[in-house]
Amino acid sequence: MQDYQHILLAVDYSDHGVTVAGKARALADSYQAKLSMIHVLDNIPMPDTNYGTVIPVAKNSGYELLEEEKARFMQWGRQLRVEPGNRWLIWGVPKQEIVRIAGQEQVDLIVLGSHGRHGWALLLGSTANSVLHHAQCDVLAVRLQDS
């Protein structure tokens, strides 16, 4: 097995997000791999902007919800020691954007959380399941326990 060189953490800010992020950081440290992170905004409306879907984190948008998301994203990046150039804050569909960035950046491992849904939730699909089936690299779905 070849060591991982570039690990992409999909950040979702869930209650379990710290656990998933810790596993990604530990793997990056263990393999001496580059750690990148992505957070896909699918829960706040996109303002009329010339930025496209990739959100520049260094510019102030004047959009309060977006500024809050950017601040939280940047704080996570600092805590995880992820270089600013290896952070992607993007509007879109999480399962599509995670796979797209992983391919674009030649990631060899994606780390994300999974609730291991069953029944209707599984039939309707999940981000982790879709990433697992569409990514061109390894995927580590960290099992999350619902409380």
Protein backbone atom coordinates (compact mmCIF):
# COMPACT_ATOMS: atom_id res chain seq x y z
CA MET A 1 0.00 0.00 0.00
CA GLN A 2 1.28 3.42 -0.94
CA ASP A 3 1.25 6.17 1.70
CA TYR A 4 -1.29 8.95 1.36
CA GLN A 5 0.21 12.21 0.12
CA HIS A 6 -2.84 14.51 0.08
CA ILE A 7 -5.86 14.16 2.37
CA LEU A 8 -9.06 16.17 1.93
CA LEU A 9 -11.28 16.70 4.97
CA ALA A 10 -14.94 17.44 4.24
CA VAL A 11 -16.03 19.75 7.06
CA ASP A 12 -19.74 19.82 7.92
CA TYR A 13 -19.78 21.48 11.39
CA SER A 14 -21.94 18.70 12.82
CA ASP A 15 -21.67 17.78 16.49
CA HIS A 16 -19.28 15.01 15.41
CA GLY A 17 -17.20 17.23 13.14
CA VAL A 18 -14.41 17.61 15.67
CA THR A 19 -13.99 13.80 15.80
CA VAL A 20 -13.82 13.52 12.01
CA ALA A 21 -11.40 16.45 11.78
CA GLY A 22 -9.18 14.92 14.46
CA LYS A 23 -8.96 11.66 12.53
CA ALA A 24 -8.04 13.53 9.34
CA ARG A 25 -5.32 15.54 11.14
CA ALA A 26 -3.94 12.38 12.78
CA LEU A 27 -3.78 10.59 9.42
CA ALA A 28 -2.07 13.56 7.79
CA ASP A 29 0.47 13.66 10.61
CA SER A 30 1.01 9.90 10.47
CA TYR A 31 1.61 9.87 6.71
CA GLN A 32 3.30 13.29 6.65
CA ALA A 33 0.66 14.18 4.08
CA LYS A 34 -0.72 17.53 3.04
CA LEU A 35 -4.11 18.18 4.66
CA SER A 36 -6.73 20.18 2.81
CA MET A 37 -10.28 20.97 3.80
CA ILE A 38 -13.53 21.77 2.07
CA HIS A 39 -16.86 23.06 3.30
CA VAL A 40 -19.72 23.26 0.84
CA LEU A 41 -22.44 25.79 1.53
CA ASP A 42 -25.78 24.33 0.65
CA ASN A 43 -27.82 25.86 3.45
CA ILE A 44 -27.58 29.61 2.87
CA PRO A 45 -28.74 31.47 -0.22
CA MET A 46 -26.06 32.57 -2.64
CA PRO A 47 -26.00 36.36 -3.06
CA ASP A 48 -25.61 37.91 -6.47
CA THR A 49 -21.86 37.79 -6.86
CA ASN A 50 -19.17 37.76 -9.48
CA TYR A 51 -17.16 35.20 -7.49
CA GLY A 52 -18.73 32.07 -8.97
CA THR A 53 -19.07 29.13 -6.62
CA VAL A 54 -15.61 29.36 -4.99
CA ILE A 55 -15.76 31.90 -2.18
CA PRO A 56 -12.71 34.11 -1.67
CA VAL A 57 -12.12 34.06 2.07
CA ALA A 58 -9.87 37.14 2.11
CA LYS A 59 -12.56 39.53 0.78
CA ASN A 60 -15.47 40.87 2.78
CA SER A 61 -18.74 40.09 1.03
CA GLY A 62 -20.96 42.32 3.14
CA TYR A 63 -23.27 39.32 3.47
CA GLU A 64 -23.59 38.54 7.20
CA LEU A 65 -24.37 34.81 6.96
CA LEU A 66 -21.48 34.26 4.58
CA GLU A 67 -19.07 36.20 6.80
CA GLU A 68 -20.05 33.99 9.76
CA GLU A 69 -19.41 30.86 7.68
CA LYS A 70 -16.06 32.20 6.50
CA ALA A 71 -14.96 33.05 10.05
CA ARG A 72 -15.87 29.58 11.33
CA PHE A 73 -14.15 27.94 8.35
CA MET A 74 -10.97 29.95 8.85
CA GLN A 75 -10.95 29.13 12.58
CA TRP A 76 -11.19 25.40 11.82
CA GLY A 77 -8.38 25.76 9.29
CA ARG A 78 -6.11 27.42 11.85
CA GLN A 79 -6.92 24.82 14.52
CA LEU A 80 -6.21 21.96 12.09
CA ARG A 81 -3.04 23.64 10.77
CA VAL A 82 -4.34 23.64 7.19
CA GLU A 83 -2.51 26.08 4.94
CA PRO A 84 -4.82 28.86 3.65
CA GLY A 85 -4.20 27.77 0.04
CA ASN A 86 -5.53 24.30 0.88
CA ARG A 87 -8.96 25.47 2.06
CA TRP A 88 -12.04 25.54 -0.16
CA LEU A 89 -15.30 27.22 0.82
CA ILE A 90 -17.72 26.61 -2.02
CA TRP A 91 -21.42 26.99 -2.84
CA GLY A 92 -22.98 23.91 -4.35
CA VAL A 93 -24.05 20.32 -3.80
CA PRO A 94 -21.68 18.78 -1.23
CA LYS A 95 -21.34 15.35 -2.84
CA GLN A 96 -20.50 16.89 -6.22
CA GLU A 97 -18.11 19.58 -5.00
CA ILE A 98 -16.16 17.25 -2.69
CA VAL A 99 -15.52 14.82 -5.54
CA ARG A 100 -14.71 17.66 -7.98
CA ILE A 101 -12.14 19.31 -5.70
CA ALA A 102 -10.60 15.93 -4.81
CA GLY A 103 -10.02 15.23 -8.50
CA GLN A 104 -8.84 18.75 -9.29
CA GLU A 105 -6.33 18.76 -6.43
CA GLN A 106 -5.12 15.16 -6.90
CA VAL A 107 -6.28 14.08 -3.46
CA ASP A 108 -5.65 10.43 -2.63
CA LEU A 109 -7.89 10.20 0.49
CA ILE A 110 -11.15 11.95 1.36
CA VAL A 111 -12.19 11.92 5.03
CA LEU A 112 -15.79 12.64 5.98
CA GLY A 113 -18.42 11.67 8.51
CA SER A 114 -21.15 9.12 7.89
CA HIS A 115 -24.22 8.37 9.93
CA GLY A 116 -24.64 4.93 8.31
CA ARG A 117 -28.26 5.58 7.48
CA HIS A 118 -30.68 2.76 6.76
CA GLY A 119 -34.11 2.48 5.17
CA TRP A 120 -35.51 5.64 3.59
CA ALA A 121 -32.48 7.74 4.46
CA LEU A 122 -30.26 5.29 2.58
CA LEU A 123 -32.62 5.17 -0.39
CA LEU A 124 -32.66 8.96 -0.58
CA GLY A 125 -28.86 8.97 -0.52
CA SER A 126 -26.24 10.64 1.60
CA THR A 127 -23.18 12.73 0.94
CA ALA A 128 -20.83 10.02 2.23
CA ASN A 129 -22.45 7.31 0.11
CA SER A 130 -22.33 9.41 -3.05
CA VAL A 131 -18.71 10.47 -2.47
CA LEU A 132 -17.75 6.85 -1.85
CA HIS A 133 -19.25 5.77 -5.17
CA HIS A 134 -18.02 8.67 -7.32
CA ALA A 135 -14.57 9.60 -5.97
CA GLN A 136 -11.51 8.43 -7.90
CA CYS A 137 -9.54 8.03 -4.67
CA ASP A 138 -9.89 6.28 -1.33
CA VAL A 139 -12.64 7.48 1.00
CA LEU A 140 -12.65 7.15 4.78
CA ALA A 141 -16.20 7.47 6.08
CA VAL A 142 -15.91 7.92 9.84
CA ARG A 143 -18.91 6.23 11.47
CA LEU A 144 -20.91 8.74 13.52
CA GLN A 145 -23.30 7.68 16.24
CA ASP A 146 -26.57 9.59 16.50
CA SER A 147 -27.41 10.49 20.06
